[in-house]
């Protein structure tokens, strides 16, 4: 049975909340021990323990750049099985900078 749209929505709501909480253990709790990260440049296999090591550094870099909040704006389930789901999603990152003031960047 395919994974339901509601299950995907619930996952992303929880993931977005933990991403904004600055709680690394909560954030990585959404990932398997090994997962595939996919993007326009291709795919990469990631160990969650390695991911956990870079999250605080990533957060510091983004906050130093003025990141205030990240929010999920849309998602579309394009394929689903009983074990896997492919989701195209759009996030917005809200920054507040001294030079440009408030800036929202879609990612």
N, C-alpha and C. Protein backbone atom coordinates (compact mmCIF):
# COMPACT_ATOMS: atom_id res chain seq x y z
N UNK A 1 0.83 -1.17 0.00
CA UNK A 1 0.00 0.00 0.00
C UNK A 1 0.89 1.25 0.00
N UNK A 2 0.64 2.19 -0.87
CA UNK A 2 1.45 3.41 -0.93
C UNK A 2 1.36 4.22 0.36
N UNK A 3 2.40 4.99 0.64
CA UNK A 3 2.41 5.89 1.79
C UNK A 3 1.42 7.01 1.51
N UNK A 4 0.59 7.34 2.48
CA UNK A 4 -0.47 8.32 2.26
C UNK A 4 0.07 9.76 2.23
N UNK A 5 -0.67 10.60 1.54
CA UNK A 5 -0.36 12.03 1.48
C UNK A 5 -0.36 12.61 2.89
N UNK A 6 -1.30 12.19 3.73
CA UNK A 6 -1.37 12.70 5.10
C UNK A 6 -0.14 12.31 5.91
N UNK A 7 0.38 11.10 5.69
CA UNK A 7 1.60 10.67 6.40
C UNK A 7 2.79 11.53 5.99
N UNK A 8 2.88 11.85 4.70
CA UNK A 8 3.96 12.71 4.21
C UNK A 8 3.81 14.11 4.80
N UNK A 9 2.59 14.63 4.81
CA UNK A 9 2.35 15.96 5.38
C UNK A 9 2.74 15.99 6.85
N UNK A 10 2.37 14.97 7.59
CA UNK A 10 2.72 14.89 9.01
C UNK A 10 4.23 14.87 9.21
N UNK A 11 4.92 14.07 8.39
CA UNK A 11 6.38 14.01 8.48
C UNK A 11 6.98 15.40 8.27
N UNK A 12 6.57 16.09 7.21
CA UNK A 12 7.17 17.40 6.91
C UNK A 12 6.83 18.44 7.96
N UNK A 13 5.63 18.38 8.56
CA UNK A 13 5.29 19.32 9.63
C UNK A 13 6.21 19.11 10.83
N UNK A 14 6.43 17.85 11.21
CA UNK A 14 7.32 17.54 12.33
C UNK A 14 8.77 17.90 12.01
N UNK A 15 9.17 17.61 10.78
CA UNK A 15 10.54 17.92 10.37
C UNK A 15 10.79 19.43 10.39
N UNK A 16 9.83 20.20 9.87
CA UNK A 16 9.98 21.66 9.86
C UNK A 16 10.08 22.20 11.28
N UNK A 17 9.25 21.68 12.18
CA UNK A 17 9.28 22.14 13.57
C UNK A 17 10.62 21.83 14.22
N UNK A 18 11.14 20.62 14.00
CA UNK A 18 12.42 20.28 14.63
C UNK A 18 13.57 21.04 13.98
N UNK A 19 13.46 21.34 12.69
CA UNK A 19 14.51 22.11 12.02
C UNK A 19 14.63 23.51 12.61
N UNK A 20 13.51 24.09 12.96
CA UNK A 20 13.52 25.44 13.54
C UNK A 20 13.81 25.44 15.04
N UNK A 21 13.79 24.28 15.67
CA UNK A 21 13.97 24.20 17.11
C UNK A 21 15.44 24.28 17.54
N UNK A 22 16.35 24.05 16.61
CA UNK A 22 17.79 24.01 16.89
C UNK A 22 18.16 22.81 17.76
N UNK A 23 17.33 21.79 17.72
CA UNK A 23 17.54 20.57 18.50
C UNK A 23 18.03 19.48 17.56
N UNK A 24 19.36 19.32 17.46
CA UNK A 24 19.95 18.37 16.51
C UNK A 24 19.42 16.95 16.68
N UNK A 25 19.35 16.39 17.90
CA UNK A 25 18.79 15.04 18.02
C UNK A 25 17.36 14.92 17.49
N UNK A 26 16.52 15.94 17.73
CA UNK A 26 15.16 15.91 17.20
C UNK A 26 15.17 15.97 15.68
N UNK A 27 16.06 16.78 15.15
CA UNK A 27 16.13 16.93 13.69
C UNK A 27 16.57 15.64 13.01
N UNK A 28 17.60 15.00 13.55
CA UNK A 28 18.09 13.78 12.89
C UNK A 28 17.19 12.57 13.16
N UNK A 29 16.28 12.69 14.12
CA UNK A 29 15.37 11.56 14.41
C UNK A 29 14.47 11.23 13.23
N UNK A 30 14.37 12.12 12.27
CA UNK A 30 13.53 11.91 11.09
C UNK A 30 14.22 11.11 10.00
N UNK A 31 15.48 10.76 10.21
CA UNK A 31 16.27 10.11 9.17
C UNK A 31 16.64 8.68 9.55
N UNK A 32 16.74 7.83 8.54
CA UNK A 32 17.22 6.46 8.74
C UNK A 32 18.72 6.51 9.00
N UNK A 33 19.27 5.40 9.46
CA UNK A 33 20.72 5.33 9.74
C UNK A 33 21.54 5.69 8.51
N UNK A 34 21.07 5.31 7.34
CA UNK A 34 21.67 5.66 6.06
C UNK A 34 20.52 6.11 5.15
N UNK A 35 20.69 7.25 4.49
CA UNK A 35 19.63 7.73 3.61
C UNK A 35 20.23 8.32 2.34
N UNK A 36 19.38 8.50 1.34
CA UNK A 36 19.80 9.09 0.07
C UNK A 36 19.30 10.52 0.03
N UNK A 37 20.21 11.45 -0.19
CA UNK A 37 19.86 12.85 -0.40
C UNK A 37 19.95 13.11 -1.89
N UNK A 38 18.87 13.63 -2.45
CA UNK A 38 18.82 13.86 -3.90
C UNK A 38 18.56 15.33 -4.18
N UNK A 39 19.19 15.81 -5.23
CA UNK A 39 19.00 17.20 -5.62
C UNK A 39 19.38 17.39 -7.07
N UNK A 40 19.37 18.62 -7.53
CA UNK A 40 19.67 18.91 -8.94
C UNK A 40 21.05 18.42 -9.37
N UNK A 41 21.98 18.32 -8.43
CA UNK A 41 23.35 17.89 -8.78
C UNK A 41 23.52 16.38 -8.74
N UNK A 42 22.49 15.66 -8.30
CA UNK A 42 22.57 14.20 -8.23
C UNK A 42 22.20 13.68 -6.87
N UNK A 43 22.62 12.44 -6.60
CA UNK A 43 22.28 11.76 -5.36
C UNK A 43 23.55 11.44 -4.57
N UNK A 44 23.38 11.36 -3.25
CA UNK A 44 24.49 10.97 -2.40
C UNK A 44 23.93 10.15 -1.23
N UNK A 45 24.68 9.12 -0.86
CA UNK A 45 24.31 8.31 0.29
C UNK A 45 24.95 8.94 1.52
N UNK A 46 24.13 9.15 2.57
CA UNK A 46 24.58 9.86 3.76
C UNK A 46 24.33 8.99 4.99
N UNK A 47 25.32 8.91 5.86
CA UNK A 47 25.15 8.25 7.16
C UNK A 47 24.61 9.30 8.13
N UNK A 48 23.59 8.94 8.88
CA UNK A 48 22.98 9.91 9.78
C UNK A 48 23.98 10.42 10.81
N UNK A 49 24.94 9.59 11.22
CA UNK A 49 25.95 10.06 12.19
C UNK A 49 26.82 11.16 11.59
N UNK A 50 27.12 11.07 10.30
CA UNK A 50 27.88 12.13 9.63
C UNK A 50 27.02 13.39 9.47
N UNK A 51 25.76 13.19 9.13
CA UNK A 51 24.82 14.29 8.98
C UNK A 51 24.69 15.06 10.30
N UNK A 52 24.61 14.32 11.42
CA UNK A 52 24.48 14.94 12.73
C UNK A 52 25.69 15.81 13.07
N UNK A 53 26.85 15.43 12.57
CA UNK A 53 28.07 16.20 12.86
C UNK A 53 28.08 17.55 12.13
N UNK A 54 27.50 17.60 10.94
CA UNK A 54 27.55 18.85 10.17
C UNK A 54 26.37 19.78 10.44
N UNK A 55 25.28 19.27 11.01
CA UNK A 55 24.12 20.12 11.24
C UNK A 55 24.40 21.34 12.11
N UNK A 56 25.09 21.20 13.25
CA UNK A 56 25.36 22.40 14.05
C UNK A 56 26.22 23.43 13.29
N UNK A 57 27.17 22.96 12.52
CA UNK A 57 28.01 23.88 11.73
C UNK A 57 27.18 24.58 10.66
N UNK A 58 26.30 23.81 10.01
CA UNK A 58 25.40 24.38 8.99
C UNK A 58 24.50 25.44 9.62
N UNK A 59 23.95 25.10 10.79
CA UNK A 59 23.06 26.03 11.50
C UNK A 59 23.81 27.31 11.85
N UNK A 60 25.05 27.19 12.36
CA UNK A 60 25.84 28.37 12.72
C UNK A 60 26.11 29.25 11.50
N UNK A 61 26.45 28.63 10.39
CA UNK A 61 26.71 29.38 9.16
C UNK A 61 25.47 30.14 8.71
N UNK A 62 24.32 29.46 8.70
CA UNK A 62 23.09 30.11 8.26
C UNK A 62 22.67 31.22 9.23
N UNK A 63 22.79 30.98 10.51
CA UNK A 63 22.43 32.02 11.48
C UNK A 63 23.37 33.22 11.38
N UNK A 64 24.64 32.98 11.12
CA UNK A 64 25.60 34.08 10.93
C UNK A 64 25.24 34.89 9.68
N UNK A 65 24.56 34.24 8.74
CA UNK A 65 24.11 34.92 7.52
C UNK A 65 22.78 35.63 7.72
N UNK A 66 22.18 35.46 8.91
CA UNK A 66 20.93 36.15 9.22
C UNK A 66 19.68 35.29 9.17
N UNK A 67 19.81 33.98 9.08
CA UNK A 67 18.63 33.12 9.02
C UNK A 67 17.82 33.25 10.30
N UNK A 68 16.52 33.48 10.14
CA UNK A 68 15.61 33.60 11.27
C UNK A 68 14.66 32.40 11.34
N UNK A 69 14.19 31.93 10.18
CA UNK A 69 13.16 30.89 10.17
C UNK A 69 13.15 30.20 8.80
N UNK A 70 12.83 28.92 8.83
CA UNK A 70 12.64 28.14 7.60
C UNK A 70 11.25 27.55 7.63
N UNK A 71 10.53 27.61 6.50
CA UNK A 71 9.19 27.05 6.46
C UNK A 71 8.94 26.29 5.16
N UNK A 72 8.16 25.23 5.27
CA UNK A 72 7.76 24.44 4.11
C UNK A 72 6.63 25.17 3.42
N UNK A 73 6.79 25.43 2.13
CA UNK A 73 5.75 26.14 1.38
C UNK A 73 4.91 25.20 0.54
N UNK A 74 5.51 24.14 0.02
CA UNK A 74 4.73 23.20 -0.78
C UNK A 74 5.46 21.87 -0.87
N UNK A 75 4.68 20.83 -1.12
CA UNK A 75 5.27 19.53 -1.41
C UNK A 75 4.32 18.76 -2.30
N UNK A 76 4.90 17.92 -3.13
CA UNK A 76 4.12 17.12 -4.06
C UNK A 76 4.70 15.72 -4.08
N UNK A 77 3.89 14.75 -3.73
CA UNK A 77 4.32 13.36 -3.76
C UNK A 77 4.22 12.89 -5.20
N UNK A 78 5.37 12.54 -5.79
CA UNK A 78 5.37 12.14 -7.20
C UNK A 78 5.43 10.63 -7.38
N UNK A 79 5.80 9.90 -6.34
CA UNK A 79 5.82 8.43 -6.41
C UNK A 79 5.80 7.90 -4.99
N UNK A 80 5.11 6.77 -4.82
CA UNK A 80 5.03 6.20 -3.48
C UNK A 80 4.82 4.70 -3.56
N UNK A 81 5.52 3.99 -2.67
CA UNK A 81 5.30 2.55 -2.50
C UNK A 81 5.03 2.35 -1.01
N UNK A 82 5.04 1.11 -0.57
CA UNK A 82 4.84 0.88 0.86
C UNK A 82 6.09 1.21 1.68
N UNK A 83 7.24 1.43 1.02
CA UNK A 83 8.48 1.70 1.74
C UNK A 83 9.18 2.99 1.34
N UNK A 84 8.83 3.56 0.21
CA UNK A 84 9.55 4.73 -0.30
C UNK A 84 8.59 5.77 -0.84
N UNK A 85 9.05 7.00 -0.79
CA UNK A 85 8.26 8.09 -1.34
C UNK A 85 9.22 9.10 -1.99
N UNK A 86 8.80 9.64 -3.11
CA UNK A 86 9.56 10.70 -3.78
C UNK A 86 8.73 11.97 -3.65
N UNK A 87 9.36 12.99 -3.09
CA UNK A 87 8.64 14.23 -2.82
C UNK A 87 9.43 15.40 -3.39
N UNK A 88 8.77 16.21 -4.19
CA UNK A 88 9.34 17.49 -4.62
C UNK A 88 8.80 18.52 -3.63
N UNK A 89 9.71 19.32 -3.05
CA UNK A 89 9.23 20.27 -2.06
C UNK A 89 9.92 21.61 -2.21
N UNK A 90 9.24 22.64 -1.71
CA UNK A 90 9.76 24.00 -1.74
C UNK A 90 9.72 24.56 -0.33
N UNK A 91 10.85 25.12 0.08
CA UNK A 91 10.98 25.73 1.39
C UNK A 91 11.27 27.21 1.20
N UNK A 92 11.02 27.99 2.22
CA UNK A 92 11.43 29.40 2.23
C UNK A 92 12.31 29.62 3.45
N UNK A 93 13.41 30.29 3.21
CA UNK A 93 14.33 30.65 4.29
C UNK A 93 14.25 32.16 4.47
N UNK A 94 13.86 32.58 5.66
CA UNK A 94 13.73 34.00 5.97
C UNK A 94 14.99 34.48 6.68
N UNK A 95 15.61 35.49 6.10
CA UNK A 95 16.82 36.09 6.65
C UNK A 95 16.53 37.53 7.05
N UNK A 96 17.26 38.00 8.03
CA UNK A 96 17.24 39.43 8.37
C UNK A 96 18.69 39.86 8.39
N UNK A 97 19.03 40.75 7.47
CA UNK A 97 20.41 41.18 7.35
C UNK A 97 20.53 42.68 7.60
N UNK A 98 21.69 43.10 8.03
CA UNK A 98 21.92 44.53 8.25
C UNK A 98 21.97 45.28 6.92
N UNK A 99 22.49 44.63 5.90
CA UNK A 99 22.64 45.28 4.60
C UNK A 99 21.33 45.38 3.82
N UNK A 100 20.58 44.27 3.78
CA UNK A 100 19.38 44.21 2.94
C UNK A 100 18.08 44.13 3.71
N UNK A 101 18.11 44.09 5.01
CA UNK A 101 16.89 43.95 5.80
C UNK A 101 16.31 42.54 5.64
N UNK A 102 14.98 42.41 5.72
CA UNK A 102 14.36 41.09 5.59
C UNK A 102 14.45 40.58 4.14
N UNK A 103 14.87 39.33 4.00
CA UNK A 103 15.00 38.69 2.68
C UNK A 103 14.47 37.28 2.81
N UNK A 104 13.61 36.88 1.86
CA UNK A 104 13.10 35.51 1.82
C UNK A 104 13.64 34.84 0.57
N UNK A 105 14.22 33.66 0.76
CA UNK A 105 14.82 32.92 -0.35
C UNK A 105 14.10 31.58 -0.50
N UNK A 106 13.50 31.31 -1.68
CA UNK A 106 12.91 29.99 -1.90
C UNK A 106 13.99 28.96 -2.22
N UNK A 107 13.88 27.79 -1.62
CA UNK A 107 14.82 26.70 -1.90
C UNK A 107 14.06 25.41 -2.14
